[in-house]
Amino acid sequence: MFSHVKETIMPVDVREPDARFGQFLLEQFGGATGELTAALQYWVQSFHVEDASLRDMLQDIALEEFSHLEMVGKLIAQHTSKIDQSKVYEAPIFAVKGIGPHLIDSQGSAWSASYVNEGGNVVRDLRANIASEAGARQTYEALIKHCRDEGTKRTLRHLLTREITHADMFMKALDSMGRLTDPFFGTVQPDDTVNIVFNLSHGDDHRGPWNQGNFRYVENPRAEGGLPPAPVNPDDEKIHRLAAE
């Protein structure tokens, strides 16, 4: 059951409408890193999670993301509310599709379910969510840098802040499972190469915790697989040519 509170979770107040910036904002409405993607991603993920506390966290964040989608949509509506002829040329998407938000990104590409990153395993999904929050945070930072309206910037700063909070929540959830720093998940055990790292880029080589400690560093790796068998293709042109000679 859903119940919509008509007031936004934070104030949305645009004092200087800018249709061109409204087009930029579409990135967080119908884009790959946008709020619709995050809301659906976390909501769909919650259906397979057995742990009630983790499921509750995912659903709470998903619904907050829907409230963020509402805020971005209202920002776009306000920024495109007063389009004169010059603004039409600066923001052609709104000239064609009309004012307000649409399920497209800033370049006019339609939102796609392929943006949603979920895979039926809570460890895998939480790691994907941390990356999703980082992508959204980067987009909000870029939007803030290109924004002139102070009311819009306040709203965007709040949205950026919540991306940090959600990433922290996902990290804490992984840590509670003992999986924050453990790369393994699933039930299939890895083979004996799991702690081997290869030096495959030669020149200015560097060492660090990613190839030291528990890792066995192979300075000059050699191929050990041998050559695969040659393909056998009766339809190959070369075979027909040899047979004709």
C-alpha atoms as a PDB file:
ATOM      1  CA  MET A   1       0.000   0.000   0.000  1.00  0.00           C
ATOM      2  CA  PHE A   2       1.232   3.476  -0.823  1.00  0.00           C
ATOM      3  CA  SER A   3       0.095   6.783   0.621  1.00  0.00           C
ATOM      4  CA  HIS A   4       1.276   9.993  -1.017  1.00  0.00           C
ATOM      5  CA  VAL A   5       1.842  13.111   1.085  1.00  0.00           C
ATOM      6  CA  LYS A   6       1.454  16.017  -1.324  1.00  0.00           C
ATOM      7  CA  GLU A   7       4.040  18.238   0.363  1.00  0.00           C
ATOM      8  CA  THR A   8       7.626  17.640  -0.775  1.00  0.00           C
ATOM      9  CA  ILE A   9      10.086  16.253   1.768  1.00  0.00           C
ATOM     10  CA  MET A  10      12.174  19.442   1.413  1.00  0.00           C
ATOM     11  CA  PRO A  11      11.299  22.873  -0.060  1.00  0.00           C
ATOM     12  CA  VAL A  12      11.481  23.231  -3.849  1.00  0.00           C
ATOM     13  CA  ASP A  13      11.543  26.927  -4.707  1.00  0.00           C
ATOM     14  CA  VAL A  14      12.967  28.180  -8.023  1.00  0.00           C
ATOM     15  CA  ARG A  15      13.326  31.962  -8.177  1.00  0.00           C
ATOM     16  CA  GLU A  16      15.118  32.246 -11.548  1.00  0.00           C
ATOM     17  CA  PRO A  17      13.630  29.775 -14.052  1.00  0.00           C
ATOM     18  CA  ASP A  18      16.137  28.506 -16.611  1.00  0.00           C
ATOM     19  CA  ALA A  19      14.784  26.098 -19.218  1.00  0.00           C
ATOM     20  CA  ARG A  20      18.297  25.135 -20.321  1.00  0.00           C
ATOM     21  CA  PHE A  21      19.136  24.065 -16.767  1.00  0.00           C
ATOM     22  CA  GLY A  22      15.789  22.271 -16.649  1.00  0.00           C
ATOM     23  CA  GLN A  23      17.054  20.121 -19.490  1.00  0.00           C
ATOM     24  CA  PHE A  24      20.173  19.297 -17.454  1.00  0.00           C
ATOM     25  CA  LEU A  25      17.916  18.261 -14.564  1.00  0.00           C
ATOM     26  CA  LEU A  26      16.295  15.608 -16.749  1.00  0.00           C
ATOM     27  CA  GLU A  27      19.445  13.567 -16.126  1.00  0.00           C
ATOM     28  CA  GLN A  28      18.226  12.962 -12.567  1.00  0.00           C
ATOM     29  CA  PHE A  29      14.637  12.302 -13.602  1.00  0.00           C
ATOM     30  CA  GLY A  30      14.882   9.900 -16.538  1.00  0.00           C
ATOM     31  CA  GLY A  31      18.630   9.307 -16.743  1.00  0.00           C
ATOM     32  CA  ALA A  32      20.783   6.323 -15.823  1.00  0.00           C
ATOM     33  CA  THR A  33      21.847   7.789 -12.451  1.00  0.00           C
ATOM     34  CA  GLY A  34      18.467   9.374 -11.764  1.00  0.00           C
ATOM     35  CA  GLU A  35      16.018   9.003  -8.922  1.00  0.00           C
ATOM     36  CA  LEU A  36      13.587   6.769 -10.828  1.00  0.00           C
ATOM     37  CA  THR A  37      16.385   4.285 -11.441  1.00  0.00           C
ATOM     38  CA  ALA A  38      17.408   4.270  -7.780  1.00  0.00           C
ATOM     39  CA  ALA A  39      13.830   3.975  -6.495  1.00  0.00           C
ATOM     40  CA  LEU A  40      12.994   1.012  -8.714  1.00  0.00           C
ATOM     41  CA  GLN A  41      16.385  -0.617  -8.160  1.00  0.00           C
ATOM     42  CA  TYR A  42      16.123  -0.698  -4.376  1.00  0.00           C
ATOM     43  CA  TRP A  43      12.424  -1.576  -4.433  1.00  0.00           C
ATOM     44  CA  VAL A  44      12.890  -4.552  -6.758  1.00  0.00           C
ATOM     45  CA  GLN A  45      15.925  -5.733  -4.789  1.00  0.00           C
ATOM     46  CA  SER A  46      13.895  -5.814  -1.575  1.00  0.00           C
ATOM     47  CA  PHE A  47      11.657  -8.622  -2.855  1.00  0.00           C
ATOM     48  CA  HIS A  48      14.368 -11.297  -2.649  1.00  0.00           C
ATOM     49  CA  VAL A  49      15.919 -10.281   0.703  1.00  0.00           C
ATOM     50  CA  GLU A  50      15.177 -12.713   3.532  1.00  0.00           C
ATOM     51  CA  ASP A  51      16.537 -10.544   6.362  1.00  0.00           C
ATOM     52  CA  ALA A  52      13.620  -8.352   7.460  1.00  0.00           C
ATOM     53  CA  SER A  53      15.843  -5.502   8.662  1.00  0.00           C
ATOM     54  CA  LEU A  54      17.742  -5.282   5.358  1.00  0.00           C
ATOM     55  CA  ARG A  55      14.490  -5.511   3.420  1.00  0.00           C
ATOM     56  CA  ASP A  56      13.042  -2.673   5.494  1.00  0.00           C
ATOM     57  CA  MET A  57      16.124  -0.533   4.848  1.00  0.00           C
ATOM     58  CA  LEU A  58      15.910  -1.063   1.086  1.00  0.00           C
ATOM     59  CA  GLN A  59      12.203  -0.213   1.019  1.00  0.00           C
ATOM     60  CA  ASP A  60      12.660   2.904   3.163  1.00  0.00           C
ATOM     61  CA  ILE A  61      15.416   4.190   0.883  1.00  0.00           C
ATOM     62  CA  ALA A  62      13.431   3.274  -2.232  1.00  0.00           C
ATOM     63  CA  LEU A  63      10.481   5.345  -1.062  1.00  0.00           C
ATOM     64  CA  GLU A  64      12.755   8.249  -0.176  1.00  0.00           C
ATOM     65  CA  GLU A  65      14.122   8.061  -3.724  1.00  0.00           C
ATOM     66  CA  PHE A  66      10.558   8.341  -5.045  1.00  0.00           C
ATOM     67  CA  SER A  67      10.218  11.514  -2.968  1.00  0.00           C
ATOM     68  CA  HIS A  68      13.454  12.749  -4.536  1.00  0.00           C
ATOM     69  CA  LEU A  69      12.032  12.013  -7.986  1.00  0.00           C
ATOM     70  CA  GLU A  70       9.089  14.221  -7.030  1.00  0.00           C
ATOM     71  CA  MET A  71      11.446  17.024  -5.998  1.00  0.00           C
ATOM     72  CA  VAL A  72      13.442  16.817  -9.238  1.00  0.00           C
ATOM     73  CA  GLY A  73      10.208  16.764 -11.233  1.00  0.00           C
ATOM     74  CA  LYS A  74       8.950  19.895  -9.483  1.00  0.00           C
ATOM     75  CA  LEU A  75      12.306  21.604 -10.087  1.00  0.00           C
ATOM     76  CA  ILE A  76      12.005  20.843 -13.797  1.00  0.00           C
ATOM     77  CA  ALA A  77       8.399  22.054 -13.878  1.00  0.00           C
ATOM     78  CA  GLN A  78       9.378  25.351 -12.253  1.00  0.00           C
ATOM     79  CA  HIS A  79      12.431  25.859 -14.456  1.00  0.00           C
ATOM     80  CA  THR A  80      10.344  25.354 -17.607  1.00  0.00           C
ATOM     81  CA  SER A  81       7.299  27.329 -16.504  1.00  0.00           C
ATOM     82  CA  LYS A  82       8.230  30.514 -18.354  1.00  0.00           C
ATOM     83  CA  ILE A  83       9.734  29.577 -21.693  1.00  0.00           C
ATOM     84  CA  ASP A  84       9.965  32.476 -24.110  1.00  0.00           C
ATOM     85  CA  GLN A  85      11.171  32.138 -27.712  1.00  0.00           C
ATOM     86  CA  SER A  86      14.857  32.422 -26.830  1.00  0.00           C
ATOM     87  CA  LYS A  87      14.566  29.736 -24.132  1.00  0.00           C
ATOM     88  CA  VAL A  88      12.918  27.400 -26.638  1.00  0.00           C
ATOM     89  CA  TYR A  89      16.127  27.420 -28.690  1.00  0.00           C
ATOM     90  CA  GLU A  90      18.225  26.802 -25.578  1.00  0.00           C
ATOM     91  CA  ALA A  91      16.075  23.849 -24.460  1.00  0.00           C
ATOM     92  CA  PRO A  92      14.596  22.217 -27.592  1.00  0.00           C
ATOM     93  CA  ILE A  93      13.406  19.113 -25.703  1.00  0.00           C
ATOM     94  CA  PHE A  94      10.741  21.164 -23.908  1.00  0.00           C
ATOM     95  CA  ALA A  95       9.788  22.936 -27.113  1.00  0.00           C
ATOM     96  CA  VAL A  96       8.917  19.553 -28.642  1.00  0.00           C
ATOM     97  CA  LYS A  97       7.577  17.608 -25.660  1.00  0.00           C
ATOM     98  CA  GLY A  98       6.129  20.443 -23.584  1.00  0.00           C
ATOM     99  CA  ILE A  99       7.124  21.849 -20.218  1.00  0.00           C
ATOM    100  CA  GLY A 100       7.720  19.787 -17.091  1.00  0.00           C
ATOM    101  CA  PRO A 101       9.573  16.504 -16.525  1.00  0.00           C
ATOM    102  CA  HIS A 102       9.642  13.602 -18.987  1.00  0.00           C
ATOM    103  CA  LEU A 103      11.074  10.094 -18.737  1.00  0.00           C
ATOM    104  CA  ILE A 104      14.163  11.015 -20.729  1.00  0.00           C
ATOM    105  CA  ASP A 105      17.682  12.111 -19.871  1.00  0.00           C
ATOM    106  CA  SER A 106      19.301  15.444 -20.678  1.00  0.00           C
ATOM    107  CA  GLN A 107      20.117  14.261 -24.210  1.00  0.00           C
ATOM    108  CA  GLY A 108      16.563  13.122 -24.957  1.00  0.00           C
ATOM    109  CA  SER A 109      17.174   9.361 -24.610  1.00  0.00           C
ATOM    110  CA  ALA A 110      14.249   7.480 -23.076  1.00  0.00           C
ATOM    111  CA  TRP A 111      14.556   5.938 -19.619  1.00  0.00           C
ATOM    112  CA  SER A 112      15.363   2.232 -19.781  1.00  0.00           C
ATOM    113  CA  ALA A 113      14.853  -0.636 -17.333  1.00  0.00           C
ATOM    114  CA  SER A 114      18.403  -1.689 -18.249  1.00  0.00           C
ATOM    115  CA  TYR A 115      19.573   1.087 -15.896  1.00  0.00           C
ATOM    116  CA  VAL A 116      18.245  -0.923 -12.926  1.00  0.00           C
ATOM    117  CA  ASN A 117      21.067  -2.983 -11.401  1.00  0.00           C
ATOM    118  CA  GLU A 118      19.726  -5.933  -9.401  1.00  0.00           C
ATOM    119  CA  GLY A 119      20.744  -9.553  -9.284  1.00  0.00           C
ATOM    120  CA  GLY A 120      18.945 -11.595  -6.643  1.00  0.00           C
ATOM    121  CA  ASN A 121      21.797 -11.609  -4.093  1.00  0.00           C
ATOM    122  CA  VAL A 122      21.793  -9.067  -1.284  1.00  0.00           C
ATOM    123  CA  VAL A 123      25.597  -8.723  -1.064  1.00  0.00           C
ATOM    124  CA  ARG A 124      25.907  -8.195  -4.791  1.00  0.00           C
ATOM    125  CA  ASP A 125      23.002  -5.729  -4.767  1.00  0.00           C
ATOM    126  CA  LEU A 126      24.296  -3.655  -1.847  1.00  0.00           C
ATOM    127  CA  ARG A 127      27.636  -3.276  -3.599  1.00  0.00           C
ATOM    128  CA  ALA A 128      25.869  -2.186  -6.766  1.00  0.00           C
ATOM    129  CA  ASN A 129      23.870   0.322  -4.715  1.00  0.00           C
ATOM    130  CA  ILE A 130      27.014   1.961  -3.341  1.00  0.00           C
ATOM    131  CA  ALA A 131      28.161   2.541  -6.923  1.00  0.00           C
ATOM    132  CA  SER A 132      24.717   3.873  -7.881  1.00  0.00           C
ATOM    133  CA  GLU A 133      24.773   6.402  -5.047  1.00  0.00           C
ATOM    134  CA  ALA A 134      28.267   7.508  -6.091  1.00  0.00           C
ATOM    135  CA  GLY A 135      27.090   8.053  -9.676  1.00  0.00           C
ATOM    136  CA  ALA A 136      24.091  10.094  -8.547  1.00  0.00           C
ATOM    137  CA  ARG A 137      26.237  12.155  -6.201  1.00  0.00           C
ATOM    138  CA  GLN A 138      28.629  12.965  -9.053  1.00  0.00           C
ATOM    139  CA  THR A 139      25.723  14.076 -11.249  1.00  0.00           C
ATOM    140  CA  TYR A 140      24.295  16.322  -8.514  1.00  0.00           C
ATOM    141  CA  GLU A 141      27.691  17.907  -7.964  1.00  0.00           C
ATOM    142  CA  ALA A 142      27.941  18.692 -11.687  1.00  0.00           C
ATOM    143  CA  LEU A 143      24.424  20.156 -11.651  1.00  0.00           C
ATOM    144  CA  ILE A 144      25.218  22.376  -8.664  1.00  0.00           C
ATOM    145  CA  LYS A 145      28.306  23.731 -10.437  1.00  0.00           C
ATOM    146  CA  HIS A 146      26.180  24.720 -13.450  1.00  0.00           C
ATOM    147  CA  CYS A 147      23.291  26.191 -11.448  1.00  0.00           C
ATOM    148  CA  ARG A 148      22.684  29.911 -10.840  1.00  0.00           C
ATOM    149  CA  ASP A 149      19.445  29.777  -8.852  1.00  0.00           C
ATOM    150  CA  GLU A 150      20.063  29.627  -5.095  1.00  0.00           C
ATOM    151  CA  GLY A 151      16.782  27.853  -4.301  1.00  0.00           C
ATOM    152  CA  THR A 152      17.621  25.120  -6.791  1.00  0.00           C
ATOM    153  CA  LYS A 153      21.117  24.748  -5.389  1.00  0.00           C
ATOM    154  CA  ARG A 154      19.744  24.284  -1.872  1.00  0.00           C
ATOM    155  CA  THR A 155      17.489  21.483  -3.097  1.00  0.00           C
ATOM    156  CA  LEU A 156      20.278  19.848  -5.101  1.00  0.00           C
ATOM    157  CA  ARG A 157      22.647  20.054  -2.132  1.00  0.00           C
ATOM    158  CA  HIS A 158      20.096  18.208  -0.017  1.00  0.00           C
ATOM    159  CA  LEU A 159      19.725  15.523  -2.685  1.00  0.00           C
ATOM    160  CA  LEU A 160      23.514  15.175  -2.948  1.00  0.00           C
ATOM    161  CA  THR A 161      23.722  14.833   0.838  1.00  0.00           C
ATOM    162  CA  ARG A 162      21.183  12.028   0.884  1.00  0.00           C
ATOM    163  CA  GLU A 163      23.229  10.080  -1.676  1.00  0.00           C
ATOM    164  CA  ILE A 164      26.116  10.142   0.815  1.00  0.00           C
ATOM    165  CA  THR A 165      23.798   9.011   3.628  1.00  0.00           C
ATOM    166  CA  HIS A 166      22.412   6.128   1.592  1.00  0.00           C
ATOM    167  CA  ALA A 167      25.868   4.956   0.539  1.00  0.00           C
ATOM    168  CA  ASP A 168      26.877   4.962   4.209  1.00  0.00           C
ATOM    169  CA  MET A 169      23.772   2.932   5.094  1.00  0.00           C
ATOM    170  CA  PHE A 170      24.569   0.345   2.420  1.00  0.00           C
ATOM    171  CA  MET A 171      28.167   0.122   3.657  1.00  0.00           C
ATOM    172  CA  LYS A 172      26.978  -0.323   7.250  1.00  0.00           C
ATOM    173  CA  ALA A 173      24.609  -3.074   6.087  1.00  0.00           C
ATOM    174  CA  LEU A 174      27.454  -4.914   4.364  1.00  0.00           C
ATOM    175  CA  ASP A 175      29.612  -4.475   7.448  1.00  0.00           C
ATOM    176  CA  SER A 176      26.875  -5.954   9.659  1.00  0.00           C
ATOM    177  CA  MET A 177      27.034  -9.058   7.456  1.00  0.00           C
ATOM    178  CA  GLY A 178      30.826  -9.185   7.565  1.00  0.00           C
ATOM    179  CA  ARG A 179      30.914  -8.496   3.816  1.00  0.00           C
ATOM    180  CA  LEU A 180      32.144  -4.923   3.582  1.00  0.00           C
ATOM    181  CA  THR A 181      35.751  -5.898   2.798  1.00  0.00           C
ATOM    182  CA  ASP A 182      35.235  -9.545   1.832  1.00  0.00           C
ATOM    183  CA  PRO A 183      35.102  -9.843  -1.988  1.00  0.00           C
ATOM    184  CA  PHE A 184      33.539 -13.310  -1.885  1.00  0.00           C
ATOM    185  CA  PHE A 185      29.809 -13.957  -2.051  1.00  0.00           C
ATOM    186  CA  GLY A 186      27.686 -16.829  -3.257  1.00  0.00           C
ATOM    187  CA  THR A 187      28.173 -20.565  -2.739  1.00  0.00           C
ATOM    188  CA  VAL A 188      30.621 -21.587  -5.506  1.00  0.00           C
ATOM    189  CA  GLN A 189      34.129 -21.745  -4.089  1.00  0.00           C
ATOM    190  CA  PRO A 190      36.928 -20.005  -6.057  1.00  0.00           C
ATOM    191  CA  ASP A 191      39.906 -21.907  -7.474  1.00  0.00           C
ATOM    192  CA  ASP A 192      43.505 -21.651  -6.231  1.00  0.00           C
ATOM    193  CA  THR A 193      44.244 -18.477  -8.219  1.00  0.00           C
ATOM    194  CA  VAL A 194      42.044 -16.361  -5.930  1.00  0.00           C
ATOM    195  CA  ASN A 195      45.032 -14.670  -4.219  1.00  0.00           C
ATOM    196  CA  ILE A 196      47.264 -14.323  -7.294  1.00  0.00           C
ATOM    197  CA  VAL A 197      47.785 -10.957  -9.006  1.00  0.00           C
ATOM    198  CA  PHE A 198      49.586 -10.522 -12.317  1.00  0.00           C
ATOM    199  CA  ASN A 199      51.825  -7.657 -13.382  1.00  0.00           C
ATOM    200  CA  LEU A 200      50.476  -7.170 -16.909  1.00  0.00           C
ATOM    201  CA  SER A 201      51.265  -3.486 -17.472  1.00  0.00           C
ATOM    202  CA  HIS A 202      55.014  -3.028 -17.674  1.00  0.00           C
ATOM    203  CA  GLY A 203      56.938   0.197 -17.274  1.00  0.00           C
ATOM    204  CA  ASP A 204      56.242   2.402 -14.265  1.00  0.00           C
ATOM    205  CA  ASP A 205      55.061  -0.405 -11.957  1.00  0.00           C
ATOM    206  CA  HIS A 206      53.679   0.253  -8.472  1.00  0.00           C
ATOM    207  CA  ARG A 207      52.955  -1.908  -5.440  1.00  0.00           C
ATOM    208  CA  GLY A 208      50.234  -1.398  -2.855  1.00  0.00           C
ATOM    209  CA  PRO A 209      47.702  -3.242  -0.703  1.00  0.00           C
ATOM    210  CA  TRP A 210      45.989  -4.423  -3.914  1.00  0.00           C
ATOM    211  CA  ASN A 211      49.031  -6.599  -4.811  1.00  0.00           C
ATOM    212  CA  GLN A 212      50.817  -7.101  -1.474  1.00  0.00           C
ATOM    213  CA  GLY A 213      50.043  -8.834   1.830  1.00  0.00           C
ATOM    214  CA  ASN A 214      47.818 -11.843   1.204  1.00  0.00           C
ATOM    215  CA  PHE A 215      48.329 -11.580  -2.547  1.00  0.00           C
ATOM    216  CA  ARG A 216      51.012 -13.536  -4.416  1.00  0.00           C
ATOM    217  CA  TYR A 217      52.502 -11.099  -6.906  1.00  0.00           C
ATOM    218  CA  VAL A 218      53.657 -12.567 -10.240  1.00  0.00           C
ATOM    219  CA  GLU A 219      56.153 -10.122 -11.742  1.00  0.00           C
ATOM    220  CA  ASN A 220      56.496 -11.771 -15.167  1.00  0.00           C
ATOM    221  CA  PRO A 221      53.479 -14.020 -15.741  1.00  0.00           C
ATOM    222  CA  ARG A 222      53.622 -16.672 -18.435  1.00  0.00           C
ATOM    223  CA  ALA A 223      50.725 -18.186 -20.343  1.00  0.00           C
ATOM    224  CA  GLU A 224      50.086 -21.759 -19.207  1.00  0.00           C
ATOM    225  CA  GLY A 225      46.961 -22.628 -21.142  1.00  0.00           C
ATOM    226  CA  GLY A 226      48.601 -23.620 -24.413  1.00  0.00           C
ATOM    227  CA  LEU A 227      47.072 -22.941 -27.804  1.00  0.00           C
ATOM    228  CA  PRO A 228      43.419 -23.818 -28.217  1.00  0.00           C
ATOM    229  CA  PRO A 229      42.510 -26.271 -30.994  1.00  0.00           C
ATOM    230  CA  ALA A 230      42.023 -24.724 -34.414  1.00  0.00           C
ATOM    231  CA  PRO A 231      38.394 -24.259 -35.463  1.00  0.00           C
ATOM    232  CA  VAL A 232      36.825 -26.748 -37.838  1.00  0.00           C
ATOM    233  CA  ASN A 233      34.363 -25.015 -40.133  1.00  0.00           C
ATOM    234  CA  PRO A 234      33.133 -26.884 -43.239  1.00  0.00           C
ATOM    235  CA  ASP A 235      31.611 -23.679 -44.603  1.00  0.00           C
ATOM    236  CA  ASP A 236      34.879 -21.740 -44.522  1.00  0.00           C
ATOM    237  CA  GLU A 237      35.829 -20.256 -47.915  1.00  0.00           C
ATOM    238  CA  LYS A 238      39.426 -21.454 -47.628  1.00  0.00           C
ATOM    239  CA  ILE A 239      38.344 -25.117 -47.411  1.00  0.00           C
ATOM    240  CA  HIS A 240      36.191 -24.790 -50.536  1.00  0.00           C
ATOM    241  CA  ARG A 241      39.061 -23.124 -52.401  1.00  0.00           C
ATOM    242  CA  LEU A 242      41.518 -25.926 -51.536  1.00  0.00           C
ATOM    243  CA  ALA A 243      39.022 -28.586 -52.545  1.00  0.00           C
ATOM    244  CA  ALA A 244      38.558 -26.959 -55.958  1.00  0.00           C
ATOM    245  CA  GLU A 245      42.298 -26.874 -56.699  1.00  0.00           C
END
